[in-house]
Amino acid sequence: MNVTLRQLRAFALVARLGSFTRAAEAMHVTQGALSLLVRELEAAMNTRLVDRTTRSVSLTATGTDFFASTQRLLSDLEQAIGNVDKLVAKQRGRVVVAAPVVLSGNLLPPILAGFRQLYPGVELVLNDSLPNEVLPQVRTGAADLAIGTFFRTEQDLQRRVLFKEAMVAVFPASHPFARAKRLTWKDLASTPVLVLRRGSVFRELAEAGFAASGLTLEPEFESNYVGSLLGLTDAGLGVAIVPGYATVLSDESRIAWKRLEKPVVEREVSVVHRAGPSLSPAAQAFVDFLLKQEFTRHPARTRGKQNSSSA
C-alpha cells in the first residue's frame, strides 16, 4: 500500500469541511487536483471513503472510522514536527556533560548557570567523574560531551581547545620555593616530588618537563587523584606537580604554588565528542556557548598570576 501524507491531508480536509471546493481552497490546489488525491487514496486502500453527490459530500462508514485515525495520525505528526522545530531552536533537548571532579566543581557551575539562562528548556546533566571515567562515557554515548585534558592519541574524538594553562609546583607556604622569584624544573632535582600515577596525562606532562631539563622523574609518592597529592604536600612530604586549575583545592594559608618554567609545560582543557555522529542542536548550542567563554579569568589562573608577580 502506497499512501502519501498529501493524500491523507486532502481526505482529512474534505471530511472536516464537507466540501471538495472548500478543501481545495484550504489546501491551495485546484478542486480537480484534490479530487484526484482522494481517489488515489481510495484506490490505494481498495475501498470507498467518500460518497459524492452533486449537492453534498459525506463519509462512508469506513471513511468515518478512517477519518478518526487520520486525525490522530496528522496530529501526532504535527506535534513531532513541532518538537523538532523546538529542538532546532534550542528550546528543548538534553545535554549530558562528563568532566573530572575538579572542573565539575569549579569551572563548570557558572557556565551551566549561564547556559540555562539562555536556554531554560534544555535539560542539563553533569556527570562529575574520576578522570579515567570521563572519555568512556562519550564513547558509549552515555555523555554527549566531555571536558578535560586528554591524550593527543585519542583519534576517534573531535576536540576544541577551551584554554591552556601551565603545570605548577605546589608546596607548603613555609617552603624555600615560596621566596623564589622563578621556579624551574631543574629546581626540583633535589626535592621529593609528588605526581600522579602512570596512565594520567598529567604524569606524562610532568615527565616531559623533567626530560626537557635533562632530568629523570623519580617520584617520592604517586597518587591517583590530585586532591591526594595536595594532602601529601600539606603534610610536608614533597612538592606536587599539578595543573594550575587544581590549586583551587588548596588552602592558601598553608599551601603556595608557582608556575614551572624552562620550559613552561602547558596542558590543554578541551571539549570533546565522538568524531562520527553529529551533535544534537542542544549539545551544539552548549559547545558554541563554551567557546564564547573567557577562561583566562578563572580563579586559579588569576590567583596564579598574583602569586607569581608577588614572588
Protein backbone atom coordinates (compact mmCIF):
# COMPACT_ATOMS: atom_id res chain seq x y z
CA MET A 1 0.00 0.00 0.00
CA ASN A 2 1.40 3.34 -1.07
CA VAL A 3 -0.37 6.11 0.86
CA THR A 4 1.09 9.60 0.90
CA LEU A 5 0.84 12.32 3.50
CA ARG A 6 -0.61 14.66 0.89
CA GLN A 7 -3.44 12.22 0.21
CA LEU A 8 -4.23 11.90 3.91
CA ARG A 9 -4.34 15.68 4.32
CA ALA A 10 -6.66 16.03 1.32
CA PHE A 11 -9.03 13.40 2.71
CA ALA A 12 -8.98 14.94 6.20
CA LEU A 13 -9.86 18.38 4.82
CA VAL A 14 -12.76 17.01 2.78
CA ALA A 15 -14.06 15.11 5.80
CA ARG A 16 -13.69 18.08 8.11
CA LEU A 17 -15.12 20.75 5.76
CA GLY A 18 -17.69 18.59 3.98
CA SER A 19 -16.81 20.15 0.65
CA PHE A 20 -14.27 19.49 -2.08
CA THR A 21 -14.36 23.15 -3.03
CA ARG A 22 -13.54 24.46 0.45
CA ALA A 23 -10.98 21.68 1.00
CA ALA A 24 -9.22 22.60 -2.26
CA GLU A 25 -9.10 26.26 -1.19
CA ALA A 26 -7.67 25.33 2.22
CA MET A 27 -5.02 23.15 0.59
CA HIS A 28 -4.25 25.75 -2.11
CA VAL A 29 -4.84 23.34 -5.01
CA THR A 30 -7.46 23.06 -7.70
CA GLN A 31 -10.62 21.09 -7.00
CA GLY A 32 -9.63 18.59 -9.66
CA ALA A 33 -6.23 18.02 -8.06
CA LEU A 34 -7.81 17.50 -4.65
CA SER A 35 -10.37 15.05 -6.05
CA LEU A 36 -7.54 13.09 -7.66
CA LEU A 37 -5.70 12.85 -4.33
CA VAL A 38 -8.77 11.42 -2.61
CA ARG A 39 -9.40 8.94 -5.46
CA GLU A 40 -5.76 7.81 -5.30
CA LEU A 41 -6.12 7.25 -1.54
CA GLU A 42 -9.26 5.20 -2.06
CA ALA A 43 -7.56 3.16 -4.77
CA ALA A 44 -4.56 2.51 -2.54
CA MET A 45 -6.85 1.31 0.26
CA ASN A 46 -9.18 -0.54 -2.13
CA THR A 47 -12.30 0.97 -0.57
CA ARG A 48 -14.56 3.98 -0.93
CA LEU A 49 -14.09 6.61 1.79
CA VAL A 50 -16.29 9.44 0.49
CA ASP A 51 -19.79 9.43 -1.02
CA ARG A 52 -20.10 12.22 -3.56
CA THR A 53 -23.27 13.74 -4.95
CA THR A 54 -23.84 16.94 -6.88
CA ARG A 55 -25.05 18.63 -3.71
CA SER A 56 -23.19 17.05 -0.81
CA VAL A 57 -20.17 15.11 0.38
CA SER A 58 -20.43 12.51 3.13
CA LEU A 59 -18.17 9.83 4.55
CA THR A 60 -18.84 6.15 4.20
CA ALA A 61 -18.80 4.01 7.35
CA THR A 62 -15.23 3.03 6.55
CA GLY A 63 -14.38 6.67 5.84
CA THR A 64 -15.77 7.74 9.22
CA ASP A 65 -13.57 5.23 11.08
CA PHE A 66 -10.57 6.08 8.94
CA PHE A 67 -11.07 9.83 9.48
CA ALA A 68 -10.69 9.38 13.27
CA SER A 69 -7.40 7.51 12.73
CA THR A 70 -6.23 10.06 10.18
CA GLN A 71 -6.85 12.93 12.58
CA ARG A 72 -4.77 11.24 15.28
CA LEU A 73 -2.00 10.48 12.80
CA LEU A 74 -1.84 14.03 11.45
CA SER A 75 -1.99 15.48 14.97
CA ASP A 76 0.89 13.27 16.13
CA LEU A 77 2.87 14.22 13.05
CA GLU A 78 2.31 17.94 13.62
CA GLN A 79 3.41 17.54 17.23
CA ALA A 80 6.54 15.65 16.18
CA ILE A 81 7.42 18.33 13.65
CA GLY A 82 6.82 20.99 16.29
CA ASN A 83 9.14 19.17 18.68
CA VAL A 84 11.87 19.06 16.04
CA ASP A 85 11.39 22.77 15.40
CA LYS A 86 11.83 23.43 19.12
CA LEU A 87 14.94 21.26 19.22
CA VAL A 88 16.43 23.11 16.28
CA ALA A 89 15.57 26.39 18.00
CA LYS A 90 17.31 25.05 21.17
CA GLN A 91 14.09 25.40 23.15
CA ARG A 92 14.18 21.73 24.10
CA GLY A 93 16.70 18.93 24.34
CA ARG A 94 19.05 17.25 26.77
CA VAL A 95 22.81 17.65 27.12
CA VAL A 96 24.94 15.30 29.24
CA VAL A 97 28.39 16.64 30.09
CA ALA A 98 31.09 14.47 31.68
CA ALA A 99 34.05 16.12 33.42
CA PRO A 100 36.60 15.39 36.16
CA VAL A 101 35.62 16.32 39.69
CA VAL A 102 37.80 19.45 39.95
CA LEU A 103 36.45 21.00 36.75
CA SER A 104 32.91 19.89 37.62
CA GLY A 105 33.07 21.63 40.96
CA ASN A 106 34.80 24.86 39.95
CA LEU A 107 34.89 25.57 36.22
CA LEU A 108 31.52 24.31 35.06
CA PRO A 109 28.88 25.54 37.56
CA PRO A 110 28.84 29.20 36.39
CA ILE A 111 28.91 28.02 32.76
CA LEU A 112 25.94 25.73 33.31
CA ALA A 113 24.08 28.55 35.04
CA GLY A 114 24.76 30.94 32.16
CA PHE A 115 23.66 28.41 29.55
CA ARG A 116 20.45 27.66 31.45
CA GLN A 117 19.55 31.35 31.45
CA LEU A 118 19.80 31.40 27.66
CA TYR A 119 18.13 28.02 27.07
CA PRO A 120 15.82 27.27 30.02
CA GLY A 121 14.07 24.49 28.11
CA VAL A 122 17.23 22.42 27.66
CA GLU A 123 17.88 19.80 30.33
CA LEU A 124 21.48 19.81 31.56
CA VAL A 125 23.10 16.78 33.20
CA LEU A 126 26.58 16.99 34.75
CA ASN A 127 28.39 13.69 35.31
CA ASP A 128 31.20 14.56 37.70
CA SER A 129 33.57 11.65 37.30
CA LEU A 130 37.01 10.32 38.03
CA PRO A 131 39.44 11.30 35.25
CA ASN A 132 39.68 7.83 33.73
CA GLU A 133 35.88 7.54 33.63
CA VAL A 134 35.25 10.64 31.52
CA LEU A 135 36.04 9.52 27.96
CA PRO A 136 34.33 6.11 28.20
CA GLN A 137 31.04 7.93 28.76
CA VAL A 138 31.44 9.78 25.46
CA ARG A 139 32.45 6.67 23.57
CA THR A 140 29.45 4.68 24.80
CA GLY A 141 27.02 7.55 24.25
CA ALA A 142 26.31 7.96 27.97
CA ALA A 143 27.51 11.57 27.65
CA ASP A 144 27.25 13.94 24.71
CA LEU A 145 30.38 15.87 25.62
CA ALA A 146 33.43 15.60 27.83
CA ILE A 147 35.56 18.42 29.20
CA GLY A 148 39.08 17.86 30.43
CA THR A 149 42.66 17.15 29.37
CA PHE A 150 43.10 14.16 27.11
CA PHE A 151 45.91 12.37 25.32
CA ARG A 152 46.53 13.56 21.79
CA THR A 153 46.41 9.94 20.61
CA GLU A 154 42.63 9.84 21.03
CA GLN A 155 41.87 9.77 17.30
CA ASP A 156 38.16 8.93 17.48
CA LEU A 157 37.31 12.22 19.14
CA GLN A 158 36.66 15.69 17.82
CA ARG A 159 38.12 18.30 20.13
CA ARG A 160 38.00 22.04 20.60
CA VAL A 161 40.54 23.67 22.94
CA LEU A 162 38.94 25.88 25.58
CA PHE A 163 42.09 27.16 27.29
CA LYS A 164 45.66 26.27 28.16
CA GLU A 165 47.40 26.54 31.49
CA ALA A 166 50.84 25.74 32.84
CA MET A 167 51.82 22.90 35.08
CA VAL A 168 52.74 24.21 38.52
CA ALA A 169 54.65 23.14 41.59
CA VAL A 170 52.67 23.14 44.84
CA PHE A 171 54.48 23.28 48.19
CA PRO A 172 53.94 24.30 51.83
CA ALA A 173 53.79 28.07 52.34
CA SER A 174 56.92 27.82 54.50
CA HIS A 175 58.96 26.09 51.79
CA PRO A 176 62.05 27.96 50.40
CA PHE A 177 60.39 27.85 46.96
CA ALA A 178 57.87 30.39 48.24
CA ARG A 179 60.64 33.05 48.31
CA ALA A 180 61.97 32.29 44.83
CA LYS A 181 61.25 34.73 42.01
CA ARG A 182 61.06 31.94 39.44
CA LEU A 183 60.86 28.19 39.67
CA THR A 184 62.30 25.83 37.04
CA TRP A 185 62.10 22.10 36.55
CA LYS A 186 65.78 21.82 37.47
CA ASP A 187 65.00 23.37 40.85
CA LEU A 188 63.10 20.16 41.63
CA ALA A 189 66.17 17.94 41.15
CA SER A 190 66.95 17.56 44.85
CA THR A 191 63.36 17.81 46.14
CA PRO A 192 60.91 14.96 46.89
CA VAL A 193 58.38 15.12 44.05
CA LEU A 194 54.73 14.05 44.19
CA VAL A 195 52.97 13.16 40.95
CA LEU A 196 50.00 11.27 39.59
CA ARG A 197 50.49 7.64 38.60
CA ARG A 198 51.31 6.47 35.09
CA GLY A 199 48.33 6.49 32.78
CA SER A 200 47.46 10.07 33.66
CA VAL A 201 48.03 12.76 31.07
CA PHE A 202 49.41 14.94 33.87
CA ARG A 203 52.05 12.33 34.69
CA GLU A 204 53.07 12.44 31.02
CA LEU A 205 53.36 16.24 31.15
CA ALA A 206 55.45 16.08 34.33
CA GLU A 207 57.80 13.57 32.74
CA ALA A 208 58.08 15.81 29.67
CA GLY A 209 59.11 18.76 31.85
CA PHE A 210 61.79 16.75 33.60
CA ALA A 211 63.08 15.28 30.35
CA ALA A 212 63.32 18.73 28.73
CA SER A 213 65.59 19.76 31.63
CA GLY A 214 67.78 16.70 31.31
CA LEU A 215 66.35 15.10 34.44
CA THR A 216 64.61 11.83 35.21
CA LEU A 217 61.42 11.90 37.24
CA GLU A 218 61.74 9.71 40.33
CA PRO A 219 58.64 10.34 42.46
CA GLU A 220 58.63 10.26 46.21
CA PHE A 221 54.92 9.46 46.21
CA GLU A 222 52.37 8.73 43.50
CA SER A 223 48.62 9.11 43.65
CA ASN A 224 45.53 8.57 41.54
CA TYR A 225 43.96 11.91 42.47
CA VAL A 226 45.15 15.50 42.57
CA GLY A 227 43.45 16.06 45.93
CA SER A 228 45.61 13.33 47.44
CA LEU A 229 48.78 15.00 46.13
CA LEU A 230 47.76 18.28 47.76
CA GLY A 231 47.16 16.47 51.04
CA LEU A 232 50.61 14.89 50.87
CA THR A 233 52.07 18.32 50.13
CA ASP A 234 50.30 19.86 53.11
CA ALA A 235 51.83 17.13 55.28
CA GLY A 236 55.31 18.20 54.14
CA LEU A 237 56.04 15.05 52.16
CA GLY A 238 57.17 16.80 48.99
CA VAL A 239 56.36 19.15 46.14
CA ALA A 240 53.38 18.22 43.96
CA ILE A 241 53.27 18.79 40.21
CA VAL A 242 49.70 19.53 39.11
CA PRO A 243 47.82 21.64 36.54
CA GLY A 244 47.24 25.21 37.63
CA TYR A 245 43.49 24.84 38.00
CA ALA A 246 43.93 22.17 40.68
CA THR A 247 45.17 24.86 43.08
CA VAL A 248 41.53 25.83 43.72
CA LEU A 249 41.54 22.82 46.05
CA SER A 250 44.39 24.12 48.20
CA ASP A 251 44.29 26.15 51.41
CA GLU A 252 46.06 29.41 50.56
CA SER A 253 47.05 29.94 54.16
CA ARG A 254 49.03 26.68 54.15
CA ILE A 255 49.90 25.99 50.50
CA ALA A 256 51.74 28.07 47.89
CA TRP A 257 52.48 27.37 44.25
CA LYS A 258 54.42 28.66 41.27
CA ARG A 259 54.45 28.01 37.57
CA LEU A 260 57.25 25.72 36.45
CA GLU A 261 59.48 27.27 33.77
CA LYS A 262 62.33 26.37 31.43
CA PRO A 263 60.29 25.04 29.80
CA VAL A 264 56.73 26.10 30.55
CA VAL A 265 54.70 22.93 30.09
CA GLU A 266 51.02 23.54 29.37
CA ARG A 267 48.01 21.32 29.45
CA GLU A 268 45.03 21.88 27.18
CA VAL A 269 41.49 21.82 28.52
CA SER A 270 39.24 20.75 25.66
CA VAL A 271 35.64 19.87 24.98
CA VAL A 272 35.39 16.62 23.04
CA HIS A 273 32.72 14.47 21.45
CA ARG A 274 32.66 11.49 19.14
CA ALA A 275 34.01 12.32 15.71
CA GLY A 276 31.32 10.46 13.77
CA PRO A 277 27.78 11.31 14.90
CA SER A 278 26.53 14.87 14.65
CA LEU A 279 25.75 16.66 17.88
CA SER A 280 22.14 17.37 18.73
CA PRO A 281 21.12 21.04 18.34
CA ALA A 282 21.12 21.42 22.14
CA ALA A 283 24.59 19.90 22.54
CA GLN A 284 25.94 22.02 19.69
CA ALA A 285 24.48 25.10 21.36
CA PHE A 286 26.33 24.16 24.57
CA VAL A 287 29.62 23.79 22.68
CA ASP A 288 29.10 27.16 21.00
CA PHE A 289 28.37 28.71 24.39
CA LEU A 290 31.53 27.15 25.87
CA LEU A 291 33.71 28.53 23.09
CA LYS A 292 32.50 32.06 23.82
CA GLN A 293 33.61 31.95 27.48
CA GLU A 294 36.57 33.94 28.81
CA PHE A 295 38.50 31.22 30.62
CA THR A 296 41.59 33.35 31.27
CA ARG A 297 39.82 34.79 34.29
CA HIS A 298 39.00 31.64 36.18
CA PRO A 299 40.14 31.65 39.85
CA ALA A 300 43.25 29.52 39.58
CA ARG A 301 44.73 31.41 36.66
CA THR A 302 44.07 34.81 38.24
CA ARG A 303 45.46 33.67 41.56
CA GLY A 304 48.42 32.16 39.80
CA LYS A 305 49.35 35.47 38.20
CA GLN A 306 49.16 37.25 41.56
CA ASN A 307 51.22 34.53 43.19
CA SER A 308 53.96 34.80 40.58
CA SER A 309 54.07 38.58 40.48
CA SER A 310 54.38 38.88 44.24
CA ALA A 311 57.22 36.38 44.48
